[in-house]
Protein backbone atom coordinates (compact mmCIF):
# COMPACT_ATOMS: atom_id res chain seq x y z
CA MET A 1 21.75 28.85 -8.82
CA ASP A 2 21.97 31.30 -11.68
CA SER A 3 22.89 30.43 -15.26
CA ASN A 4 26.48 31.62 -14.86
CA GLN A 5 27.08 29.58 -11.72
CA TRP A 6 28.52 26.08 -12.04
CA GLU A 7 28.40 24.87 -8.46
CA VAL A 8 25.48 24.71 -6.08
CA THR A 9 25.92 26.98 -3.06
CA ASN A 10 24.97 26.28 0.56
CA GLU A 11 22.03 28.65 0.05
CA ASP A 12 20.87 26.54 -2.91
CA TRP A 13 21.02 23.37 -0.78
CA ILE A 14 19.09 25.05 2.05
CA ALA A 15 16.39 26.26 -0.37
CA PHE A 16 16.26 22.81 -2.02
CA THR A 17 15.83 21.01 1.31
CA TYR A 18 13.25 23.52 2.52
CA GLN A 19 11.18 23.25 -0.67
CA LEU A 20 11.22 19.44 -0.55
CA ASN A 21 9.62 19.63 2.89
CA ILE A 22 6.85 22.14 2.13
CA GLU A 23 5.83 21.48 -1.48
CA SER A 24 3.04 19.32 -2.82
CA ASP A 25 4.08 16.09 -4.53
CA ARG A 26 4.02 17.91 -7.86
CA GLY A 27 6.18 20.69 -6.41
CA VAL A 28 8.65 18.19 -4.95
CA ALA A 29 9.01 16.50 -8.35
CA LEU A 30 9.57 19.86 -10.06
CA VAL A 31 12.03 21.21 -7.48
CA GLY A 32 13.95 17.92 -7.26
CA SER A 33 14.22 17.62 -11.02
CA GLU A 34 15.29 21.23 -11.45
CA MET A 35 18.05 20.86 -8.86
CA LEU A 36 19.28 17.73 -10.66
CA SER A 37 19.12 19.49 -14.02
CA GLN A 38 21.18 22.41 -12.68
CA LEU A 39 23.73 20.02 -11.17
CA LEU A 40 24.05 18.18 -14.49
CA LYS A 41 24.50 21.53 -16.23
CA GLY A 42 27.34 22.30 -13.85
CA LEU A 43 28.93 18.89 -14.29
CA ILE A 44 28.81 19.11 -18.08
CA GLY A 45 29.89 22.77 -17.97
CA LYS A 46 33.08 21.81 -16.15
CA LYS A 47 34.09 19.76 -19.19
CA LEU A 48 33.38 22.49 -21.75
CA LEU A 49 35.56 25.38 -22.82
CA PRO A 50 36.15 27.85 -19.99
CA ASP A 51 34.48 30.70 -21.93
CA PRO A 52 31.22 31.45 -20.04
CA LYS A 53 29.54 32.82 -23.17
CA THR A 54 30.13 29.55 -25.02
CA ARG A 55 29.03 27.44 -22.05
CA ASN A 56 25.83 29.43 -21.62
CA LYS A 57 25.09 29.21 -25.33
CA ILE A 58 25.45 25.42 -25.22
CA LEU A 59 23.81 24.74 -21.85
CA THR A 60 21.15 27.38 -21.24
CA ASN A 61 19.92 29.13 -24.37
CA VAL A 62 16.42 28.07 -25.37
CA GLY A 63 16.71 25.51 -28.13
CA SER A 64 20.34 24.75 -27.36
CA PRO A 65 21.31 21.09 -27.58
CA VAL A 66 21.67 20.70 -23.83
CA SER A 67 19.07 23.04 -22.35
CA THR A 68 16.67 20.33 -21.14
CA PHE A 69 16.82 17.92 -18.22
CA SER A 70 16.50 14.97 -20.60
CA SER A 71 19.32 16.08 -22.89
CA ARG A 72 21.58 16.81 -19.91
CA ILE A 73 20.98 13.30 -18.55
CA GLU A 74 21.81 11.72 -21.91
CA LEU A 75 24.92 13.84 -22.50
CA ALA A 76 26.29 13.35 -18.97
CA TYR A 77 25.86 9.60 -19.33
CA GLY A 78 27.32 9.56 -22.83
CA MET A 79 30.36 11.49 -21.59
CA GLY A 80 30.86 9.03 -18.72
CA LEU A 81 30.15 11.69 -16.09
CA ILE A 82 27.43 9.74 -14.28
CA SER A 83 27.17 6.07 -13.35
CA ASN A 84 24.68 3.50 -14.68
CA ASP A 85 22.63 3.71 -11.47
CA GLU A 86 22.56 7.51 -11.58
CA TYR A 87 21.51 7.44 -15.23
CA HIS A 88 18.77 4.92 -14.43
CA ASP A 89 17.45 6.91 -11.47
CA LEU A 90 17.67 10.27 -13.25
CA THR A 91 15.62 8.81 -16.10
CA ILE A 92 12.99 7.51 -13.64
CA ILE A 93 12.92 10.86 -11.78
CA ARG A 94 12.41 12.66 -15.11
CA LYS A 95 9.50 10.34 -16.00
CA ILE A 96 7.91 10.89 -12.59
CA ARG A 97 8.32 14.65 -12.95
CA ASN A 98 6.68 14.54 -16.38
CA SER A 99 3.77 12.44 -15.07
CA LEU A 100 3.10 14.89 -12.26
CA ALA A 101 3.81 18.09 -14.19
CA HIS A 102 1.79 17.31 -17.30
CA SER A 103 -1.39 16.12 -15.63
CA ILE A 104 -4.39 18.42 -15.40
CA LYS A 105 -5.66 16.67 -12.30
CA GLU A 106 -3.59 16.49 -9.14
CA LYS A 107 -1.40 13.40 -8.96
CA TYR A 108 0.40 12.01 -5.95
CA PHE A 109 3.44 9.89 -5.23
CA ALA A 110 1.06 7.35 -3.66
CA ASP A 111 -0.85 6.90 -6.96
CA GLU A 112 -0.20 3.38 -8.21
CA ASP A 113 1.53 4.37 -11.48
CA ILE A 114 3.79 6.90 -9.75
CA LYS A 115 4.50 4.60 -6.80
CA ASN A 116 5.55 1.84 -9.21
CA LYS A 117 8.03 4.19 -10.89
CA ILE A 118 9.40 5.29 -7.52
CA ASN A 119 9.90 1.63 -6.61
CA GLU A 120 12.19 1.32 -9.65
CA LEU A 121 14.70 3.78 -8.13
CA ARG A 122 17.92 1.94 -7.32
CA ILE A 123 19.98 4.35 -5.26
CA PRO A 124 17.63 4.70 -2.24
CA ARG A 125 17.67 0.90 -1.86
CA LEU A 126 21.43 0.86 -1.40
CA SER A 127 21.08 1.96 2.21
CA GLU A 128 18.64 0.55 4.71
CA TYR A 129 18.39 4.07 6.15
CA SER A 130 17.36 5.68 2.86
CA TYR A 131 14.61 3.29 1.84
CA SER A 132 11.09 3.84 3.15
CA GLU A 133 7.67 2.36 2.57
CA VAL A 134 6.44 5.92 1.93
CA PRO A 135 6.75 6.77 -1.80
CA ARG A 136 7.23 10.50 -1.20
CA LYS A 137 10.19 9.82 1.12
CA ASN A 138 11.75 7.46 -1.44
CA PHE A 139 11.44 10.08 -4.17
CA ILE A 140 12.98 12.75 -1.94
CA ASN A 141 15.74 10.38 -0.76
CA GLY A 142 16.50 9.27 -4.32
CA SER A 143 16.59 12.81 -5.68
CA SER A 144 18.68 14.06 -2.77
CA MET A 145 21.19 11.20 -2.96
CA VAL A 146 21.71 11.57 -6.71
CA ALA A 147 22.01 15.34 -6.24
CA ALA A 148 24.67 14.85 -3.55
CA PHE A 149 26.68 12.44 -5.71
CA ILE A 150 26.61 14.76 -8.73
CA SER A 151 27.38 17.80 -6.58
CA MET A 152 30.39 16.02 -5.14
CA ARG A 153 31.72 15.49 -8.66
CA THR A 154 31.33 19.16 -9.59
CA SER A 155 33.53 20.10 -6.64
CA GLU A 156 37.09 21.15 -7.38
CA ASP A 157 38.20 18.72 -4.66
CA TYR A 158 36.84 15.63 -6.40
CA PRO A 159 39.88 13.75 -7.73
CA ASP A 160 38.47 12.41 -10.98
CA VAL A 161 35.35 13.98 -12.47
CA ASN A 162 35.54 11.50 -15.34
CA ASN A 163 35.28 8.42 -13.18
CA PRO A 164 31.86 8.01 -11.54
CA LYS A 165 32.67 4.32 -11.03
CA ARG A 166 34.90 5.33 -8.12
CA ILE A 167 31.76 5.91 -6.10
CA ILE A 168 31.21 3.14 -3.56
CA TYR A 169 27.66 2.25 -4.57
CA GLU A 170 28.60 1.21 -8.11
CA ARG A 171 27.98 -2.53 -8.54
């Protein structure tokens, strides 16, 4: 997905799925978080002025107010574009990514501190088929499910981008 693109393509999804299957735990956390960050950028971008130059300035320029994963999570939630559960899980995913990315020594999803954070994810627990005893699978399932929900809302076919509560899993 390039910076001028606002929807994830089939090729992006294929690359995302492939990378989640071959990467180390650190790589999975980075790839999963980046996909989510790009999807949030697209979701927020759909609500901004249609001028691509303005959108890029706001969403992608270094130092812009919404160029980071964290700021995109906060803005999307503040604008009502993501649900409470998505906000919660995106925040947990960001913390896991930071723990793995900013450690000099190799860290793993099975490490107690990381596993405990993964166990806080809500969305994978909503389906008996998505939840696993394997922390890596839960991280991948959680990231993939949130990515799918956000991607659905960036689609032109989604009836109400401003109403994430229409999604079935909302409690």
